[in-house]
């Protein structure tokens, strides 16, 4: 079960402005193992910093988050589909070529 963490939701705009991005080398290191580049999922996307970068490599990126205010003020891009989702996503098994979790591990119940 996901922890409902609204720590960033009340200040979504500043979160988007000041959250650092990841270096291109990080994506290239991980993506070398991906065989097809059709569909990607970015879990806990927040302001979609990682989704925007992943959209350079994939036909479609599904950017999901539980925080509505985060998603509403996120950067728009044509090949990014934004969905408000929690643990029950509605996605089928084996639907994605790559699944990413950037700076969102704090939102998962790992027990």
C-alpha atoms as a PDB file:
ATOM      1  CA  UNK A   1       0.000   0.000   0.000  1.00  0.00           C
ATOM      2  CA  UNK A   2       1.229   3.500  -0.842  1.00  0.00           C
ATOM      3  CA  UNK A   3       1.866   5.981   1.919  1.00  0.00           C
ATOM      4  CA  UNK A   4      -0.162   9.116   1.256  1.00  0.00           C
ATOM      5  CA  UNK A   5       2.542  11.750   1.469  1.00  0.00           C
ATOM      6  CA  UNK A   6       1.409  15.276   0.716  1.00  0.00           C
ATOM      7  CA  UNK A   7       4.666  16.837   1.881  1.00  0.00           C
ATOM      8  CA  UNK A   8       5.338  18.267  -1.585  1.00  0.00           C
ATOM      9  CA  UNK A   9       1.746  18.865  -2.706  1.00  0.00           C
ATOM     10  CA  UNK A  10       1.203  22.138  -0.853  1.00  0.00           C
ATOM     11  CA  UNK A  11       4.223  23.688  -2.565  1.00  0.00           C
ATOM     12  CA  UNK A  12       4.151  22.010  -5.980  1.00  0.00           C
ATOM     13  CA  UNK A  13       5.426  24.979  -7.970  1.00  0.00           C
ATOM     14  CA  UNK A  14       8.586  25.402  -5.875  1.00  0.00           C
ATOM     15  CA  UNK A  15       9.112  21.651  -5.922  1.00  0.00           C
ATOM     16  CA  UNK A  16       9.129  21.764  -9.725  1.00  0.00           C
ATOM     17  CA  UNK A  17      11.484  24.758  -9.880  1.00  0.00           C
ATOM     18  CA  UNK A  18      14.078  23.634  -7.375  1.00  0.00           C
ATOM     19  CA  UNK A  19      14.166  19.864  -7.584  1.00  0.00           C
ATOM     20  CA  UNK A  20      17.377  18.843  -9.338  1.00  0.00           C
ATOM     21  CA  UNK A  21      17.381  16.839 -12.534  1.00  0.00           C
ATOM     22  CA  UNK A  22      19.345  13.682 -13.174  1.00  0.00           C
ATOM     23  CA  UNK A  23      22.355  13.559 -15.495  1.00  0.00           C
ATOM     24  CA  UNK A  24      21.844  12.185 -19.020  1.00  0.00           C
ATOM     25  CA  UNK A  25      24.476   9.522 -18.269  1.00  0.00           C
ATOM     26  CA  UNK A  26      22.175   7.971 -15.671  1.00  0.00           C
ATOM     27  CA  UNK A  27      19.441   7.391 -18.251  1.00  0.00           C
ATOM     28  CA  UNK A  28      21.891   6.091 -20.845  1.00  0.00           C
ATOM     29  CA  UNK A  29      23.395   3.652 -18.348  1.00  0.00           C
ATOM     30  CA  UNK A  30      19.992   2.155 -17.503  1.00  0.00           C
ATOM     31  CA  UNK A  31      18.507   2.289 -20.996  1.00  0.00           C
ATOM     32  CA  UNK A  32      21.303   0.242 -22.553  1.00  0.00           C
ATOM     33  CA  UNK A  33      19.478  -2.846 -21.257  1.00  0.00           C
ATOM     34  CA  UNK A  34      16.121  -1.953 -22.843  1.00  0.00           C
ATOM     35  CA  UNK A  35      15.344  -3.930 -26.006  1.00  0.00           C
ATOM     36  CA  UNK A  36      12.347  -1.929 -27.274  1.00  0.00           C
ATOM     37  CA  UNK A  37      11.432   1.688 -26.689  1.00  0.00           C
ATOM     38  CA  UNK A  38       7.660   1.743 -27.112  1.00  0.00           C
ATOM     39  CA  UNK A  39       6.229   2.196 -23.594  1.00  0.00           C
ATOM     40  CA  UNK A  40       7.716   3.386 -20.330  1.00  0.00           C
ATOM     41  CA  UNK A  41       6.187   4.055 -16.917  1.00  0.00           C
ATOM     42  CA  UNK A  42       7.503   6.648 -14.487  1.00  0.00           C
ATOM     43  CA  UNK A  43       6.078   5.761 -11.044  1.00  0.00           C
ATOM     44  CA  UNK A  44       5.710   8.597  -8.552  1.00  0.00           C
ATOM     45  CA  UNK A  45       6.461  11.072 -11.297  1.00  0.00           C
ATOM     46  CA  UNK A  46       5.812  14.221  -9.259  1.00  0.00           C
ATOM     47  CA  UNK A  47       6.649  17.113 -11.556  1.00  0.00           C
ATOM     48  CA  UNK A  48       7.708  14.696 -14.331  1.00  0.00           C
ATOM     49  CA  UNK A  49      11.403  15.619 -14.489  1.00  0.00           C
ATOM     50  CA  UNK A  50      12.339  11.995 -15.187  1.00  0.00           C
ATOM     51  CA  UNK A  51       9.335  11.463 -17.484  1.00  0.00           C
ATOM     52  CA  UNK A  52      10.421  14.391 -19.671  1.00  0.00           C
ATOM     53  CA  UNK A  53      13.871  12.875 -20.072  1.00  0.00           C
ATOM     54  CA  UNK A  54      12.501   9.365 -20.648  1.00  0.00           C
ATOM     55  CA  UNK A  55      10.177  10.764 -23.336  1.00  0.00           C
ATOM     56  CA  UNK A  56      13.287  11.418 -25.426  1.00  0.00           C
ATOM     57  CA  UNK A  57      13.829   7.650 -25.648  1.00  0.00           C
ATOM     58  CA  UNK A  58      10.308   6.156 -25.600  1.00  0.00           C
ATOM     59  CA  UNK A  59       7.312   6.525 -27.883  1.00  0.00           C
ATOM     60  CA  UNK A  60       4.980   6.907 -24.875  1.00  0.00           C
ATOM     61  CA  UNK A  61       5.724   7.543 -21.212  1.00  0.00           C
ATOM     62  CA  UNK A  62       2.975   6.932 -18.652  1.00  0.00           C
ATOM     63  CA  UNK A  63       3.713   9.314 -15.777  1.00  0.00           C
ATOM     64  CA  UNK A  64       1.809   8.284 -12.646  1.00  0.00           C
ATOM     65  CA  UNK A  65       1.521   9.817  -9.198  1.00  0.00           C
ATOM     66  CA  UNK A  66      -0.905   9.897  -6.272  1.00  0.00           C
ATOM     67  CA  UNK A  67      -0.559  13.672  -5.876  1.00  0.00           C
ATOM     68  CA  UNK A  68      -3.125  15.541  -7.973  1.00  0.00           C
ATOM     69  CA  UNK A  69      -1.535  18.977  -7.355  1.00  0.00           C
ATOM     70  CA  UNK A  70       1.821  17.650  -8.505  1.00  0.00           C
ATOM     71  CA  UNK A  71       0.335  16.338 -11.735  1.00  0.00           C
ATOM     72  CA  UNK A  72      -1.734  19.455 -12.395  1.00  0.00           C
ATOM     73  CA  UNK A  73       1.287  21.731 -12.393  1.00  0.00           C
ATOM     74  CA  UNK A  74       3.658  19.364 -14.193  1.00  0.00           C
ATOM     75  CA  UNK A  75       5.332  20.135 -17.486  1.00  0.00           C
ATOM     76  CA  UNK A  76       3.291  19.001 -20.501  1.00  0.00           C
ATOM     77  CA  UNK A  77       4.728  17.026 -23.375  1.00  0.00           C
ATOM     78  CA  UNK A  78       3.002  15.342 -26.298  1.00  0.00           C
ATOM     79  CA  UNK A  79       4.203  11.769 -25.694  1.00  0.00           C
ATOM     80  CA  UNK A  80       3.673  11.787 -21.914  1.00  0.00           C
ATOM     81  CA  UNK A  81       0.369  10.450 -20.618  1.00  0.00           C
ATOM     82  CA  UNK A  82      -0.300  11.587 -17.059  1.00  0.00           C
ATOM     83  CA  UNK A  83      -2.432   9.409 -14.792  1.00  0.00           C
ATOM     84  CA  UNK A  84      -3.348   9.750 -11.134  1.00  0.00           C
ATOM     85  CA  UNK A  85      -2.639   6.260  -9.857  1.00  0.00           C
ATOM     86  CA  UNK A  86      -1.757   4.526  -6.647  1.00  0.00           C
ATOM     87  CA  UNK A  87      -1.062   0.903  -5.983  1.00  0.00           C
ATOM     88  CA  UNK A  88      -3.976  -0.372  -8.106  1.00  0.00           C
ATOM     89  CA  UNK A  89      -2.908   0.998 -11.476  1.00  0.00           C
ATOM     90  CA  UNK A  90      -5.122  -0.835 -13.930  1.00  0.00           C
ATOM     91  CA  UNK A  91      -2.083  -1.518 -16.100  1.00  0.00           C
ATOM     92  CA  UNK A  92      -1.575  -5.015 -17.484  1.00  0.00           C
ATOM     93  CA  UNK A  93       1.454  -7.164 -16.667  1.00  0.00           C
ATOM     94  CA  UNK A  94       4.264  -6.883 -19.207  1.00  0.00           C
ATOM     95  CA  UNK A  95       2.827  -3.661 -20.621  1.00  0.00           C
ATOM     96  CA  UNK A  96       6.015  -1.609 -20.308  1.00  0.00           C
ATOM     97  CA  UNK A  97       9.487  -1.886 -21.765  1.00  0.00           C
ATOM     98  CA  UNK A  98      10.941   0.076 -18.856  1.00  0.00           C
ATOM     99  CA  UNK A  99       9.653   1.128 -15.418  1.00  0.00           C
ATOM    100  CA  UNK A 100      11.338   3.945 -13.521  1.00  0.00           C
ATOM    101  CA  UNK A 101      11.094   5.286  -9.997  1.00  0.00           C
ATOM    102  CA  UNK A 102      13.174   8.416  -9.602  1.00  0.00           C
ATOM    103  CA  UNK A 103      12.959  10.383  -6.354  1.00  0.00           C
ATOM    104  CA  UNK A 104       9.729   8.715  -5.181  1.00  0.00           C
ATOM    105  CA  UNK A 105      10.863   5.757  -3.113  1.00  0.00           C
ATOM    106  CA  UNK A 106       9.815   7.651   0.051  1.00  0.00           C
ATOM    107  CA  UNK A 107       6.193   7.214  -1.058  1.00  0.00           C
ATOM    108  CA  UNK A 108       6.238   3.418  -1.180  1.00  0.00           C
ATOM    109  CA  UNK A 109       5.372   1.112   1.661  1.00  0.00           C
ATOM    110  CA  UNK A 110       8.337  -1.240   1.333  1.00  0.00           C
ATOM    111  CA  UNK A 111       7.321  -3.549   4.153  1.00  0.00           C
END
